[in-house]
Amino acid sequence: MAGRKRKDNFASEDPWRVFRIMSEFVEGFEVLSRVGKAVSIFGSSRLKPENKYYKLAEETAYLLAKEGFAIITGSGAGIMEAANKGAKKAKGQSIGLNIQLPAEQKPNRYVGTLLDFHYFFVRKVMFVKYARAFVIMPGGYGTLDEFTEAINLIQTHRIPQFPVILFGSEYWKGMLDWLKDKVLKDGNISKGDLDIFVVVDTPKQVVQAIKKFYQKKLFFKNLFF
């Protein structure tokens, strides 16, 4: 009887869930396809405005927006708020991809264009599909998830390589040492896999890293085609 009940629930709920997933994809594609070049910025929602990385995230977004990049964040507090604030200050496009959580996340007041998602995986597709670069500021599990998924997709050639930038060598030092001294040494990644991302310490270096990547890409495109 219990097995039949579970089957009935699956028949009545899960197939219909596909339409909700589809609607989130359609709305995301429709809105973000009009944005143009963009940079996704990630980081902790727990950092306060007085934190140095909050201020650096704001400056980074400001400089990128001045270069014509739309700024995409998860729309929440902390680093996300700082990035949206910097984009708005520069009069650039300030985009937030909000996620519905049991403890409700409220979009920050600096978001200009807001999209709401129920499914994490749909939201993550939007971050990758419409970004020319990822900037990974200090953060926790969610930030690490976005970072490792991006470099894994590049490593496995599921997406073309694009700039993945870790901000704050001091903050990320322990992880970087572990990747080199343990993961690489044990043969679980190749030496070239460490070149999928770069580490910077200033907002200007973020802009320079993105420009350098695309200038190099354009050079080789012109050279061979």
C-alpha atoms as a PDB file:
ATOM      1  CA  MET A   1       0.000   0.000   0.000  1.00  0.00           C
ATOM      2  CA  ALA A   2       2.831   2.375   0.958  1.00  0.00           C
ATOM      3  CA  GLY A   3       4.597   1.507  -2.293  1.00  0.00           C
ATOM      4  CA  ARG A   4       1.454   2.296  -4.296  1.00  0.00           C
ATOM      5  CA  LYS A   5       1.111   5.643  -2.491  1.00  0.00           C
ATOM      6  CA  ARG A   6       4.681   6.587  -3.379  1.00  0.00           C
ATOM      7  CA  LYS A   7       4.020   5.615  -7.003  1.00  0.00           C
ATOM      8  CA  ASP A   8       0.853   7.732  -7.109  1.00  0.00           C
ATOM      9  CA  ASN A   9       2.755  10.724  -5.684  1.00  0.00           C
ATOM     10  CA  PHE A  10       5.430  10.326  -8.339  1.00  0.00           C
ATOM     11  CA  ALA A  11       2.812  10.085 -11.086  1.00  0.00           C
ATOM     12  CA  SER A  12       0.949  13.163  -9.876  1.00  0.00           C
ATOM     13  CA  GLU A  13       3.890  15.405  -8.879  1.00  0.00           C
ATOM     14  CA  ASP A  14       7.232  14.689 -10.560  1.00  0.00           C
ATOM     15  CA  PRO A  15       6.156  14.881 -14.231  1.00  0.00           C
ATOM     16  CA  TRP A  16       4.543  18.260 -13.554  1.00  0.00           C
ATOM     17  CA  ARG A  17       7.767  19.446 -11.940  1.00  0.00           C
ATOM     18  CA  VAL A  18       9.300  19.366 -15.424  1.00  0.00           C
ATOM     19  CA  PHE A  19       7.076  22.267 -16.447  1.00  0.00           C
ATOM     20  CA  ARG A  20       8.251  24.361 -13.502  1.00  0.00           C
ATOM     21  CA  ILE A  21      11.857  23.598 -14.378  1.00  0.00           C
ATOM     22  CA  MET A  22      11.166  24.480 -18.007  1.00  0.00           C
ATOM     23  CA  SER A  23       9.527  27.779 -17.051  1.00  0.00           C
ATOM     24  CA  GLU A  24      12.574  28.781 -15.006  1.00  0.00           C
ATOM     25  CA  PHE A  25      14.875  28.029 -17.932  1.00  0.00           C
ATOM     26  CA  VAL A  26      12.665  29.932 -20.383  1.00  0.00           C
ATOM     27  CA  GLU A  27      12.403  33.033 -18.183  1.00  0.00           C
ATOM     28  CA  GLY A  28      16.138  32.986 -17.440  1.00  0.00           C
ATOM     29  CA  PHE A  29      17.110  32.607 -21.095  1.00  0.00           C
ATOM     30  CA  GLU A  30      14.659  35.298 -22.173  1.00  0.00           C
ATOM     31  CA  VAL A  31      15.876  37.924 -19.691  1.00  0.00           C
ATOM     32  CA  LEU A  32      19.609  37.203 -19.641  1.00  0.00           C
ATOM     33  CA  SER A  33      20.010  36.775 -23.399  1.00  0.00           C
ATOM     34  CA  ARG A  34      19.462  40.546 -23.679  1.00  0.00           C
ATOM     35  CA  VAL A  35      22.116  41.464 -21.121  1.00  0.00           C
ATOM     36  CA  GLY A  36      25.249  41.342 -23.287  1.00  0.00           C
ATOM     37  CA  LYS A  37      28.663  40.695 -21.751  1.00  0.00           C
ATOM     38  CA  ALA A  38      28.529  39.981 -18.029  1.00  0.00           C
ATOM     39  CA  VAL A  39      30.633  38.845 -15.075  1.00  0.00           C
ATOM     40  CA  SER A  40      29.298  36.644 -12.281  1.00  0.00           C
ATOM     41  CA  ILE A  41      30.615  37.543  -8.826  1.00  0.00           C
ATOM     42  CA  PHE A  42      30.380  35.101  -5.907  1.00  0.00           C
ATOM     43  CA  GLY A  43      31.214  35.342  -2.226  1.00  0.00           C
ATOM     44  CA  SER A  44      29.951  35.054   1.318  1.00  0.00           C
ATOM     45  CA  SER A  45      26.544  36.441   2.237  1.00  0.00           C
ATOM     46  CA  ARG A  46      27.788  36.895   5.809  1.00  0.00           C
ATOM     47  CA  LEU A  47      30.359  39.628   5.288  1.00  0.00           C
ATOM     48  CA  LYS A  48      29.370  43.076   6.526  1.00  0.00           C
ATOM     49  CA  PRO A  49      29.959  46.437   4.792  1.00  0.00           C
ATOM     50  CA  GLU A  50      32.921  47.177   7.077  1.00  0.00           C
ATOM     51  CA  ASN A  51      34.718  44.000   5.945  1.00  0.00           C
ATOM     52  CA  LYS A  52      37.617  44.649   3.567  1.00  0.00           C
ATOM     53  CA  TYR A  53      36.405  42.073   1.059  1.00  0.00           C
ATOM     54  CA  TYR A  54      32.963  43.701   0.939  1.00  0.00           C
ATOM     55  CA  LYS A  55      34.639  46.956  -0.033  1.00  0.00           C
ATOM     56  CA  LEU A  56      36.918  45.227  -2.551  1.00  0.00           C
ATOM     57  CA  ALA A  57      33.950  43.425  -4.125  1.00  0.00           C
ATOM     58  CA  GLU A  58      32.133  46.739  -4.480  1.00  0.00           C
ATOM     59  CA  GLU A  59      35.167  48.337  -6.148  1.00  0.00           C
ATOM     60  CA  THR A  60      35.665  45.321  -8.419  1.00  0.00           C
ATOM     61  CA  ALA A  61      32.063  45.451  -9.638  1.00  0.00           C
ATOM     62  CA  TYR A  62      32.303  49.211 -10.105  1.00  0.00           C
ATOM     63  CA  LEU A  63      35.394  48.904 -12.336  1.00  0.00           C
ATOM     64  CA  LEU A  64      33.890  46.039 -14.335  1.00  0.00           C
ATOM     65  CA  ALA A  65      30.645  47.934 -14.863  1.00  0.00           C
ATOM     66  CA  LYS A  66      32.642  50.949 -16.059  1.00  0.00           C
ATOM     67  CA  GLU A  67      34.212  48.584 -18.633  1.00  0.00           C
ATOM     68  CA  GLY A  68      30.724  47.730 -19.892  1.00  0.00           C
ATOM     69  CA  PHE A  69      30.154  44.432 -18.065  1.00  0.00           C
ATOM     70  CA  ALA A  70      26.834  43.620 -16.466  1.00  0.00           C
ATOM     71  CA  ILE A  71      27.250  42.263 -12.945  1.00  0.00           C
ATOM     72  CA  ILE A  72      25.441  39.064 -11.977  1.00  0.00           C
ATOM     73  CA  THR A  73      25.208  37.907  -8.349  1.00  0.00           C
ATOM     74  CA  GLY A  74      23.053  35.633  -6.245  1.00  0.00           C
ATOM     75  CA  SER A  75      21.141  38.772  -5.131  1.00  0.00           C
ATOM     76  CA  GLY A  76      21.671  38.250  -1.404  1.00  0.00           C
ATOM     77  CA  ALA A  77      23.628  40.047   1.293  1.00  0.00           C
ATOM     78  CA  GLY A  78      27.381  40.347   1.883  1.00  0.00           C
ATOM     79  CA  ILE A  79      29.595  40.093  -1.184  1.00  0.00           C
ATOM     80  CA  MET A  80      26.547  39.846  -3.449  1.00  0.00           C
ATOM     81  CA  GLU A  81      25.170  43.087  -2.092  1.00  0.00           C
ATOM     82  CA  ALA A  82      28.579  44.749  -2.458  1.00  0.00           C
ATOM     83  CA  ALA A  83      28.859  43.702  -6.100  1.00  0.00           C
ATOM     84  CA  ASN A  84      25.353  44.861  -6.971  1.00  0.00           C
ATOM     85  CA  LYS A  85      26.069  48.116  -5.150  1.00  0.00           C
ATOM     86  CA  GLY A  86      29.247  48.691  -7.174  1.00  0.00           C
ATOM     87  CA  ALA A  87      27.428  47.995 -10.439  1.00  0.00           C
ATOM     88  CA  LYS A  88      24.606  50.385  -9.568  1.00  0.00           C
ATOM     89  CA  LYS A  89      27.076  53.076  -8.502  1.00  0.00           C
ATOM     90  CA  ALA A  90      28.756  52.800 -11.915  1.00  0.00           C
ATOM     91  CA  LYS A  91      25.324  52.994 -13.586  1.00  0.00           C
ATOM     92  CA  GLY A  92      25.822  49.505 -15.001  1.00  0.00           C
ATOM     93  CA  GLN A  93      23.451  46.557 -15.163  1.00  0.00           C
ATOM     94  CA  SER A  94      23.000  45.054 -11.713  1.00  0.00           C
ATOM     95  CA  ILE A  95      21.455  41.586 -11.900  1.00  0.00           C
ATOM     96  CA  GLY A  96      20.432  39.237  -9.093  1.00  0.00           C
ATOM     97  CA  LEU A  97      19.576  35.556  -9.423  1.00  0.00           C
ATOM     98  CA  ASN A  98      17.683  34.860  -6.230  1.00  0.00           C
ATOM     99  CA  ILE A  99      17.176  31.354  -4.818  1.00  0.00           C
ATOM    100  CA  GLN A 100      14.167  30.292  -2.766  1.00  0.00           C
ATOM    101  CA  LEU A 101      15.407  28.823   0.519  1.00  0.00           C
ATOM    102  CA  PRO A 102      13.669  27.560   3.696  1.00  0.00           C
ATOM    103  CA  ALA A 103      15.221  30.562   5.461  1.00  0.00           C
ATOM    104  CA  GLU A 104      14.069  33.132   2.927  1.00  0.00           C
ATOM    105  CA  GLN A 105      16.805  35.072   1.165  1.00  0.00           C
ATOM    106  CA  LYS A 106      15.741  38.623   0.444  1.00  0.00           C
ATOM    107  CA  PRO A 107      17.234  40.332  -2.618  1.00  0.00           C
ATOM    108  CA  ASN A 108      19.465  43.253  -1.742  1.00  0.00           C
ATOM    109  CA  ARG A 109      18.312  46.775  -2.609  1.00  0.00           C
ATOM    110  CA  TYR A 110      20.978  47.301  -5.265  1.00  0.00           C
ATOM    111  CA  VAL A 111      19.602  44.662  -7.666  1.00  0.00           C
ATOM    112  CA  GLY A 112      18.184  46.226 -10.814  1.00  0.00           C
ATOM    113  CA  THR A 113      17.036  43.085 -12.647  1.00  0.00           C
ATOM    114  CA  LEU A 114      15.819  40.221 -10.466  1.00  0.00           C
ATOM    115  CA  LEU A 115      15.137  36.607 -11.396  1.00  0.00           C
ATOM    116  CA  ASP A 116      13.749  34.156  -8.852  1.00  0.00           C
ATOM    117  CA  PHE A 117      14.646  30.440  -8.896  1.00  0.00           C
ATOM    118  CA  HIS A 118      13.351  27.419  -7.041  1.00  0.00           C
ATOM    119  CA  TYR A 119      15.937  25.028  -8.490  1.00  0.00           C
ATOM    120  CA  PHE A 120      19.625  25.485  -7.744  1.00  0.00           C
ATOM    121  CA  PHE A 121      20.721  23.704 -10.917  1.00  0.00           C
ATOM    122  CA  VAL A 122      18.708  26.019 -13.186  1.00  0.00           C
ATOM    123  CA  ARG A 123      20.179  29.050 -11.447  1.00  0.00           C
ATOM    124  CA  LYS A 124      23.697  27.652 -11.811  1.00  0.00           C
ATOM    125  CA  VAL A 125      23.219  27.230 -15.549  1.00  0.00           C
ATOM    126  CA  MET A 126      22.355  30.941 -15.787  1.00  0.00           C
ATOM    127  CA  PHE A 127      25.489  31.971 -13.914  1.00  0.00           C
ATOM    128  CA  VAL A 128      27.700  30.017 -16.326  1.00  0.00           C
ATOM    129  CA  LYS A 129      25.864  30.508 -19.601  1.00  0.00           C
ATOM    130  CA  TYR A 130      25.726  34.292 -19.499  1.00  0.00           C
ATOM    131  CA  ALA A 131      29.071  35.110 -17.849  1.00  0.00           C
ATOM    132  CA  ARG A 132      32.285  36.082 -19.616  1.00  0.00           C
ATOM    133  CA  ALA A 133      34.119  35.497 -16.323  1.00  0.00           C
ATOM    134  CA  PHE A 134      33.668  34.276 -12.752  1.00  0.00           C
ATOM    135  CA  VAL A 135      35.090  36.295  -9.866  1.00  0.00           C
ATOM    136  CA  ILE A 136      35.297  34.209  -6.699  1.00  0.00           C
ATOM    137  CA  MET A 137      35.562  36.357  -3.597  1.00  0.00           C
ATOM    138  CA  PRO A 138      36.051  34.871  -0.102  1.00  0.00           C
ATOM    139  CA  GLY A 139      33.127  32.715   0.901  1.00  0.00           C
ATOM    140  CA  GLY A 140      31.927  29.371   2.211  1.00  0.00           C
ATOM    141  CA  TYR A 141      30.360  26.197   0.825  1.00  0.00           C
ATOM    142  CA  GLY A 142      28.177  27.903  -1.781  1.00  0.00           C
ATOM    143  CA  THR A 143      31.094  29.929  -3.114  1.00  0.00           C
ATOM    144  CA  LEU A 144      33.308  26.844  -3.253  1.00  0.00           C
ATOM    145  CA  ASP A 145      30.545  24.995  -5.086  1.00  0.00           C
ATOM    146  CA  GLU A 146      30.392  27.635  -7.827  1.00  0.00           C
ATOM    147  CA  PHE A 147      34.193  27.721  -8.113  1.00  0.00           C
ATOM    148  CA  THR A 148      34.764  23.963  -8.299  1.00  0.00           C
ATOM    149  CA  GLU A 149      31.876  23.369 -10.685  1.00  0.00           C
ATOM    150  CA  ALA A 150      33.201  26.012 -13.088  1.00  0.00           C
ATOM    151  CA  ILE A 151      36.754  24.655 -13.134  1.00  0.00           C
ATOM    152  CA  ASN A 152      35.450  21.087 -13.443  1.00  0.00           C
ATOM    153  CA  LEU A 153      33.300  22.010 -16.463  1.00  0.00           C
ATOM    154  CA  ILE A 154      36.341  23.646 -18.068  1.00  0.00           C
ATOM    155  CA  GLN A 155      38.640  20.749 -17.140  1.00  0.00           C
ATOM    156  CA  THR A 156      36.279  18.211 -18.718  1.00  0.00           C
ATOM    157  CA  HIS A 157      35.703  20.415 -21.803  1.00  0.00           C
ATOM    158  CA  ARG A 158      31.996  20.651 -21.167  1.00  0.00           C
ATOM    159  CA  ILE A 159      32.220  24.426 -21.635  1.00  0.00           C
ATOM    160  CA  PRO A 160      34.820  26.641 -23.365  1.00  0.00           C
ATOM    161  CA  GLN A 161      37.481  28.064 -21.072  1.00  0.00           C
ATOM    162  CA  PHE A 162      36.780  31.503 -19.650  1.00  0.00           C
ATOM    163  CA  PRO A 163      38.429  33.514 -16.842  1.00  0.00           C
ATOM    164  CA  VAL A 164      37.875  32.060 -13.380  1.00  0.00           C
ATOM    165  CA  ILE A 165      39.426  34.456 -10.897  1.00  0.00           C
ATOM    166  CA  LEU A 166      40.044  33.740  -7.228  1.00  0.00           C
ATOM    167  CA  PHE A 167      40.219  36.994  -5.286  1.00  0.00           C
ATOM    168  CA  GLY A 168      42.391  37.107  -2.156  1.00  0.00           C
ATOM    169  CA  SER A 169      45.555  35.005  -2.086  1.00  0.00           C
ATOM    170  CA  GLU A 170      45.689  35.251   1.708  1.00  0.00           C
ATOM    171  CA  TYR A 171      42.176  33.860   2.099  1.00  0.00           C
ATOM    172  CA  TRP A 172      42.594  31.037  -0.417  1.00  0.00           C
ATOM    173  CA  LYS A 173      46.198  30.127   0.492  1.00  0.00           C
ATOM    174  CA  GLY A 174      45.322  26.993   2.459  1.00  0.00           C
ATOM    175  CA  MET A 175      43.232  25.568  -0.366  1.00  0.00           C
ATOM    176  CA  LEU A 176      45.843  26.460  -2.987  1.00  0.00           C
ATOM    177  CA  ASP A 177      48.616  24.809  -0.967  1.00  0.00           C
ATOM    178  CA  TRP A 178      46.446  21.692  -0.554  1.00  0.00           C
ATOM    179  CA  LEU A 179      45.736  21.522  -4.293  1.00  0.00           C
ATOM    180  CA  LYS A 180      49.449  21.744  -5.111  1.00  0.00           C
ATOM    181  CA  ASP A 181      50.946  19.719  -2.262  1.00  0.00           C
ATOM    182  CA  LYS A 182      48.312  17.006  -1.958  1.00  0.00           C
ATOM    183  CA  VAL A 183      45.858  16.788  -4.859  1.00  0.00           C
ATOM    184  CA  LEU A 184      48.437  17.411  -7.603  1.00  0.00           C
ATOM    185  CA  LYS A 185      51.168  15.430  -5.860  1.00  0.00           C
ATOM    186  CA  ASP A 186      48.861  12.419  -5.518  1.00  0.00           C
ATOM    187  CA  GLY A 187      48.075  12.605  -9.245  1.00  0.00           C
ATOM    188  CA  ASN A 188      44.414  13.487  -8.887  1.00  0.00           C
ATOM    189  CA  ILE A 189      44.775  16.533 -11.141  1.00  0.00           C
ATOM    190  CA  SER A 190      47.292  17.488 -13.821  1.00  0.00           C
ATOM    191  CA  LYS A 191      49.675  20.429 -13.531  1.00  0.00           C
ATOM    192  CA  GLY A 192      47.788  22.246 -16.296  1.00  0.00           C
ATOM    193  CA  ASP A 193      44.575  22.008 -14.282  1.00  0.00           C
ATOM    194  CA  LEU A 194      45.990  24.616 -11.922  1.00  0.00           C
ATOM    195  CA  ASP A 195      46.097  27.052 -14.834  1.00  0.00           C
ATOM    196  CA  ILE A 196      42.315  26.957 -15.282  1.00  0.00           C
ATOM    197  CA  PHE A 197      42.041  29.742 -12.716  1.00  0.00           C
ATOM    198  CA  VAL A 198      44.127  32.721 -11.624  1.00  0.00           C
ATOM    199  CA  VAL A 199      44.600  34.363  -8.242  1.00  0.00           C
ATOM    200  CA  VAL A 200      44.521  38.145  -7.780  1.00  0.00           C
ATOM    201  CA  ASP A 201      44.514  40.620  -4.912  1.00  0.00           C
ATOM    202  CA  THR A 202      43.166  43.880  -6.306  1.00  0.00           C
ATOM    203  CA  PRO A 203      40.097  44.995  -8.267  1.00  0.00           C
ATOM    204  CA  LYS A 204      42.318  46.346 -11.058  1.00  0.00           C
ATOM    205  CA  GLN A 205      43.945  42.917 -11.426  1.00  0.00           C
ATOM    206  CA  VAL A 206      40.497  41.395 -11.950  1.00  0.00           C
ATOM    207  CA  VAL A 207      39.829  43.735 -14.875  1.00  0.00           C
ATOM    208  CA  GLN A 208      43.332  43.152 -16.270  1.00  0.00           C
ATOM    209  CA  ALA A 209      42.970  39.357 -16.066  1.00  0.00           C
ATOM    210  CA  ILE A 210      39.682  39.411 -17.993  1.00  0.00           C
ATOM    211  CA  LYS A 211      41.031  41.806 -20.632  1.00  0.00           C
ATOM    212  CA  LYS A 212      44.229  39.781 -21.038  1.00  0.00           C
ATOM    213  CA  PHE A 213      42.293  36.557 -21.571  1.00  0.00           C
ATOM    214  CA  TYR A 214      40.056  37.972 -24.296  1.00  0.00           C
ATOM    215  CA  GLN A 215      42.828  39.927 -26.003  1.00  0.00           C
ATOM    216  CA  LYS A 216      44.858  36.725 -26.227  1.00  0.00           C
ATOM    217  CA  LYS A 217      41.833  34.806 -27.507  1.00  0.00           C
ATOM    218  CA  LEU A 218      41.180  37.457 -30.167  1.00  0.00           C
ATOM    219  CA  PHE A 219      44.873  37.441 -31.183  1.00  0.00           C
ATOM    220  CA  PHE A 220      44.887  33.697 -31.839  1.00  0.00           C
ATOM    221  CA  LYS A 221      41.528  33.855 -33.608  1.00  0.00           C
ATOM    222  CA  ASN A 222      42.869  36.511 -35.979  1.00  0.00           C
ATOM    223  CA  LEU A 223      46.140  34.625 -36.392  1.00  0.00           C
ATOM    224  CA  PHE A 224      44.582  31.354 -37.534  1.00  0.00           C
ATOM    225  CA  PHE A 225      41.320  32.476 -39.104  1.00  0.00           C
END
